[in-house]
Every structure is written in structure tokens, then in C-alpha cells.
Amino acid sequence: MMVYPPGEGRRTLQVNLQDNGTRLACGWTADLAEAVRATAAWTGGAGLEETRARAPFIRFRPWALDHEREPFGVVELTWCAKLDRIHMPPYDRHPRPHAVLAAAYAQPVLRRLMPVNSHFNLWFSTSVEDIWKTRVGHIICPYDEGLYGVRNQGRLVARTETPEEAVAFVVAALPEEFGPQKSGRSQPCQVPVSEVRPWCQAAPVRIEDPKR
């Protein structure tokens, strides 16, 4: 659990409810007593719904309850938590990285891999550990001269105008055999792609000339 005090430009306390480092719920309140009640409930063993009953400012989405009732595997939980960030500051100010995540999640072959973010860029790993050593496929850069860049070991492969087309390059370039991770459950987390990426539209792909 993490509690952040008011800071510059923010007059409220931020309370995050975490499970092994993954944020399941959060909330903002100017009432210190309310923040204390949430902290006491969560650290005392209360679940998400009971904590919210004691501190109504706490917010969470359905996937968090599903995980609490039947724990997800590491891969599935990571996808859910990353997709959920768009609903929480400061990530709600960055729709382009979220659009890439949502487009990638729509592809079953990528949904079975471990998603990794670095400086808003997205890439994938075949392992939940040593992710830097088990990276597979290209990297998608959501901020690449106003477009979505696809890179391989630093070399620009393509720039696209939509995240879906950038993801298509990644899927097409995946090795035939790369051993996707099992998420621990047969069904993916319930985060409707149509709900979380309404801004995505089809557009032509801009391919970079490798000779340039």
C-alpha cells in the first residue's frame, strides 16, 4: 500500500491499494481521517469492497475484484494493471501509449506474452523474469515524430499513423517459435478493447526507406 501526501498543484492525499506491487485500486481525498481508515482497512486484511465501504473515495474496476477472488497469473495481471492505468493520474494524460497497449492486447499472440514498458515504449518478453534477456520482437514507440514508430534493435522499421498498424508489424515479425508464457487462467482479463481505445482509427502505414 502506498499513500502520497499533497504536493505542488495537488491538495489531496493519494492512496493506492497494492497486491505484491500491483495497484488494484486507488483514490484521492483531502480528509486525513478517511485516508487513515482506508489504510487501516487494507493493511488489516480487508478486501477491496470492504475497504471501499469504510473509505468510499477508493475506486477500482471489475478486473481487480476478479483477481481478488481468483488470482490471475503474472502475465494476465500485468496486462490488466497496465491497461487500467488510463483511468488513473498521471497516466490518463497519455492516451497514445495506452492506445498501443490496447491494440496489442487485442492480438491473442501478444496477449500471451509479458508486456514491458520503458519510457512509454512497448515491447514483449517470453518470460516473467529476466525480461531484458528474453525480449522478443520489435519495440513500438508511441511518440515517434508524431507517429507510432516500430523499431528493431534501435533501427527504424516503420512509422504508422495508428497503433493497430504498428502492432501488426510486431506480430508479423515474431519468430515462429518463441514459447509464449501461460497466464495461469484460460480466459484473458475482461478489459473490453472497444471501451479503452475509442480514439483508434484506420490509417495508411508510412514505411521508412532503409536506404535513407
Protein backbone atom coordinates (compact mmCIF):
# COMPACT_ATOMS: atom_id res chain seq x y z
CA MET A 1 0.00 0.00 0.00
CA MET A 2 1.21 3.49 -0.85
CA VAL A 3 0.00 6.83 0.48
CA TYR A 4 1.22 10.01 -1.20
CA PRO A 5 0.90 13.35 0.65
CA PRO A 6 -0.37 16.51 -1.05
CA GLY A 7 2.20 18.11 -3.30
CA GLU A 8 2.65 21.04 -5.61
CA GLY A 9 -0.55 21.56 -7.59
CA ARG A 10 -2.38 18.82 -5.64
CA ARG A 11 -4.20 19.34 -2.34
CA THR A 12 -5.34 15.79 -1.77
CA LEU A 13 -3.83 12.58 -0.45
CA GLN A 14 -3.46 9.75 -2.93
CA VAL A 15 -3.98 6.22 -1.62
CA ASN A 16 -3.01 3.16 -3.68
CA LEU A 17 -4.07 -0.34 -2.70
CA GLN A 18 -1.49 -2.83 -3.96
CA ASP A 19 -1.05 -6.56 -4.18
CA ASN A 20 2.60 -7.61 -4.45
CA GLY A 21 3.44 -4.27 -6.06
CA THR A 22 0.48 -4.19 -8.48
CA ARG A 23 -2.01 -1.38 -7.97
CA LEU A 24 -5.53 -2.76 -7.70
CA ALA A 25 -7.33 0.36 -6.53
CA CYS A 26 -6.68 3.99 -5.72
CA GLY A 27 -8.36 7.15 -4.54
CA TRP A 28 -7.85 10.78 -3.63
CA THR A 29 -9.13 12.55 -0.55
CA ALA A 30 -8.48 15.76 1.36
CA ASP A 31 -9.68 14.08 4.56
CA LEU A 32 -6.76 12.63 6.50
CA ALA A 33 -9.09 10.56 8.70
CA GLU A 34 -10.60 8.95 5.61
CA ALA A 35 -7.15 8.08 4.29
CA VAL A 36 -6.31 6.53 7.65
CA ARG A 37 -9.50 4.42 7.54
CA ALA A 38 -8.59 3.11 4.10
CA THR A 39 -5.06 2.33 5.23
CA ALA A 40 -6.24 0.55 8.36
CA ALA A 41 -8.80 -1.50 6.46
CA TRP A 42 -6.46 -2.65 3.69
CA THR A 43 -3.45 -3.38 5.89
CA GLY A 44 -5.77 -5.11 8.35
CA GLY A 45 -6.81 -7.67 5.77
CA ALA A 46 -10.00 -6.17 4.37
CA GLY A 47 -10.76 -6.80 0.71
CA LEU A 48 -11.45 -4.23 -1.97
CA GLU A 49 -15.19 -3.96 -1.37
CA GLU A 50 -14.87 -3.80 2.41
CA THR A 51 -12.14 -1.17 2.15
CA ARG A 52 -14.31 0.93 -0.16
CA ALA A 53 -17.22 0.57 2.26
CA ARG A 54 -15.06 2.06 5.02
CA ALA A 55 -13.49 4.66 2.72
CA PRO A 56 -15.83 5.47 -0.21
CA PHE A 57 -13.22 7.52 -2.06
CA ILE A 58 -11.41 4.30 -3.06
CA ARG A 59 -12.01 3.28 -6.68
CA PHE A 60 -11.34 0.07 -8.57
CA ARG A 61 -12.54 -1.68 -11.71
CA PRO A 62 -14.14 -5.14 -12.14
CA TRP A 63 -10.91 -6.93 -13.11
CA ALA A 64 -9.44 -6.14 -9.67
CA LEU A 65 -12.33 -7.91 -7.97
CA ASP A 66 -11.94 -10.87 -10.31
CA HIS A 67 -8.24 -11.07 -9.40
CA GLU A 68 -9.04 -10.85 -5.70
CA ARG A 69 -11.50 -13.75 -5.96
CA GLU A 70 -9.38 -15.91 -8.28
CA PRO A 71 -5.79 -14.65 -8.63
CA PHE A 72 -4.56 -14.06 -12.16
CA GLY A 73 -1.25 -15.31 -13.45
CA VAL A 74 1.61 -12.82 -13.64
CA VAL A 75 1.20 -12.12 -17.37
CA GLU A 76 -2.55 -11.59 -17.20
CA LEU A 77 -2.29 -9.40 -14.10
CA THR A 78 0.39 -7.27 -15.73
CA TRP A 79 -1.79 -6.67 -18.79
CA CYS A 80 -4.79 -5.74 -16.65
CA ALA A 81 -2.83 -3.35 -14.47
CA LYS A 82 -1.17 -1.62 -17.43
CA LEU A 83 -4.45 -1.22 -19.32
CA ASP A 84 -6.13 0.14 -16.22
CA ARG A 85 -3.64 2.99 -15.86
CA ILE A 86 -5.54 5.14 -18.35
CA HIS A 87 -8.21 5.63 -15.68
CA MET A 88 -5.75 6.98 -13.11
CA PRO A 89 -3.50 10.06 -13.00
CA PRO A 90 -0.90 10.70 -14.25
CA TYR A 91 -1.34 8.02 -16.93
CA ASP A 92 -4.70 9.44 -18.04
CA ARG A 93 -2.74 12.24 -19.68
CA HIS A 94 -1.01 9.79 -22.05
CA PRO A 95 -3.56 8.25 -24.44
CA ARG A 96 -1.05 7.27 -27.14
CA PRO A 97 0.89 4.71 -25.03
CA HIS A 98 -2.44 3.33 -23.82
CA ALA A 99 -3.71 3.01 -27.38
CA VAL A 100 -0.65 0.89 -28.21
CA LEU A 101 -1.28 -1.33 -25.19
CA ALA A 102 -4.94 -1.79 -26.12
CA ALA A 103 -4.12 -2.60 -29.74
CA ALA A 104 -1.50 -5.13 -28.64
CA TYR A 105 -3.90 -6.71 -26.14
CA ALA A 106 -6.36 -7.29 -28.98
CA GLN A 107 -3.84 -9.71 -30.54
CA PRO A 108 -4.02 -13.15 -28.83
CA VAL A 109 -0.40 -13.98 -29.64
CA LEU A 110 0.80 -10.81 -27.88
CA ARG A 111 -1.65 -11.16 -25.02
CA ARG A 112 0.16 -14.35 -24.02
CA LEU A 113 3.50 -12.53 -23.77
CA MET A 114 4.76 -10.35 -20.94
CA PRO A 115 4.22 -6.65 -21.83
CA VAL A 116 7.07 -4.35 -20.84
CA ASN A 117 7.11 -0.55 -20.89
CA SER A 118 10.11 1.74 -20.89
CA HIS A 119 9.76 5.50 -21.45
CA PHE A 120 6.26 4.88 -22.89
CA ASN A 121 7.67 2.38 -25.43
CA LEU A 122 6.22 -1.14 -25.51
CA TRP A 123 7.93 -4.44 -26.13
CA PHE A 124 7.42 -8.05 -25.13
CA SER A 125 9.16 -10.86 -23.28
CA THR A 126 8.74 -14.62 -23.28
CA SER A 127 9.48 -14.75 -19.55
CA VAL A 128 8.16 -13.04 -16.44
CA GLU A 129 11.73 -12.90 -15.14
CA ASP A 130 14.89 -11.61 -16.81
CA ILE A 131 12.68 -9.71 -19.21
CA TRP A 132 15.63 -7.89 -20.76
CA LYS A 133 17.25 -11.19 -21.70
CA THR A 134 14.09 -12.75 -23.13
CA ARG A 135 12.81 -9.88 -25.25
CA VAL A 136 11.09 -10.94 -28.45
CA GLY A 137 10.00 -8.95 -31.49
CA HIS A 138 10.10 -5.25 -32.26
CA ILE A 139 9.57 -2.24 -30.00
CA ILE A 140 6.68 0.18 -30.51
CA CYS A 141 7.36 3.85 -29.79
CA PRO A 142 4.13 5.86 -29.45
CA TYR A 143 5.93 9.19 -29.71
CA ASP A 144 7.99 8.98 -32.90
CA GLU A 145 7.81 12.32 -34.74
CA GLY A 146 4.06 12.43 -34.21
CA LEU A 147 3.57 8.85 -35.40
CA TYR A 148 3.86 5.32 -34.00
CA GLY A 149 7.36 4.04 -34.60
CA VAL A 150 8.35 0.38 -34.88
CA ARG A 151 12.00 -0.31 -34.16
CA ASN A 152 14.25 -3.35 -34.11
CA GLN A 153 17.46 -3.03 -32.07
CA GLY A 154 17.30 0.73 -32.49
CA ARG A 155 16.75 0.63 -36.26
CA LEU A 156 13.53 2.17 -37.55
CA VAL A 157 11.40 -0.42 -39.33
CA ALA A 158 8.28 1.65 -39.96
CA ARG A 159 6.18 4.58 -38.84
CA THR A 160 2.40 4.24 -38.80
CA GLU A 161 -0.48 6.56 -38.16
CA THR A 162 -2.41 4.10 -35.96
CA PRO A 163 -1.36 1.84 -33.11
CA GLU A 164 -3.09 -1.15 -34.73
CA GLU A 165 -0.84 -0.97 -37.75
CA ALA A 166 2.26 -0.65 -35.59
CA VAL A 167 1.14 -3.75 -33.69
CA ALA A 168 0.59 -5.57 -36.99
CA PHE A 169 4.29 -5.08 -37.82
CA VAL A 170 5.26 -6.56 -34.47
CA VAL A 171 3.01 -9.60 -34.91
CA ALA A 172 4.23 -10.22 -38.46
CA ALA A 173 7.87 -10.14 -37.34
CA LEU A 174 7.54 -12.53 -34.38
CA PRO A 175 9.68 -15.68 -34.59
CA GLU A 176 7.80 -18.84 -35.44
CA GLU A 177 8.86 -20.43 -32.18
CA PHE A 178 9.14 -18.23 -29.12
CA GLY A 179 7.33 -20.07 -26.27
CA PRO A 180 4.65 -17.67 -25.04
CA GLN A 181 4.06 -17.59 -21.32
CA LYS A 182 1.00 -19.11 -19.71
CA SER A 183 -1.09 -16.60 -17.82
CA GLY A 184 -2.38 -19.11 -15.26
CA ARG A 185 -6.01 -18.83 -16.40
CA SER A 186 -7.76 -19.90 -19.58
CA GLN A 187 -9.54 -16.57 -20.10
CA PRO A 188 -7.91 -13.14 -20.55
CA CYS A 189 -8.81 -10.34 -18.16
CA GLN A 190 -12.04 -8.60 -19.04
CA VAL A 191 -10.91 -5.21 -20.35
CA PRO A 192 -13.02 -4.51 -23.46
CA VAL A 193 -10.76 -3.16 -26.19
CA SER A 194 -13.64 -1.21 -27.72
CA GLU A 195 -14.04 0.59 -24.39
CA VAL A 196 -10.43 1.52 -23.75
CA ARG A 197 -9.29 2.71 -27.19
CA PRO A 198 -12.09 4.72 -28.79
CA TRP A 199 -9.65 7.09 -30.49
CA CYS A 200 -8.01 4.47 -32.74
CA GLN A 201 -8.85 4.77 -36.43
CA ALA A 202 -7.55 3.04 -39.52
CA ALA A 203 -4.93 4.96 -41.48
CA PRO A 204 -2.24 4.16 -44.06
CA VAL A 205 1.17 2.96 -42.95
CA ARG A 206 4.22 5.07 -43.65
CA ILE A 207 7.21 2.82 -44.36
CA GLU A 208 10.70 4.21 -43.94
CA ASP A 209 13.11 3.63 -46.82
CA PRO A 210 16.03 1.68 -45.28
CA LYS A 211 18.43 3.42 -47.68
CA ARG A 212 17.62 6.86 -46.27
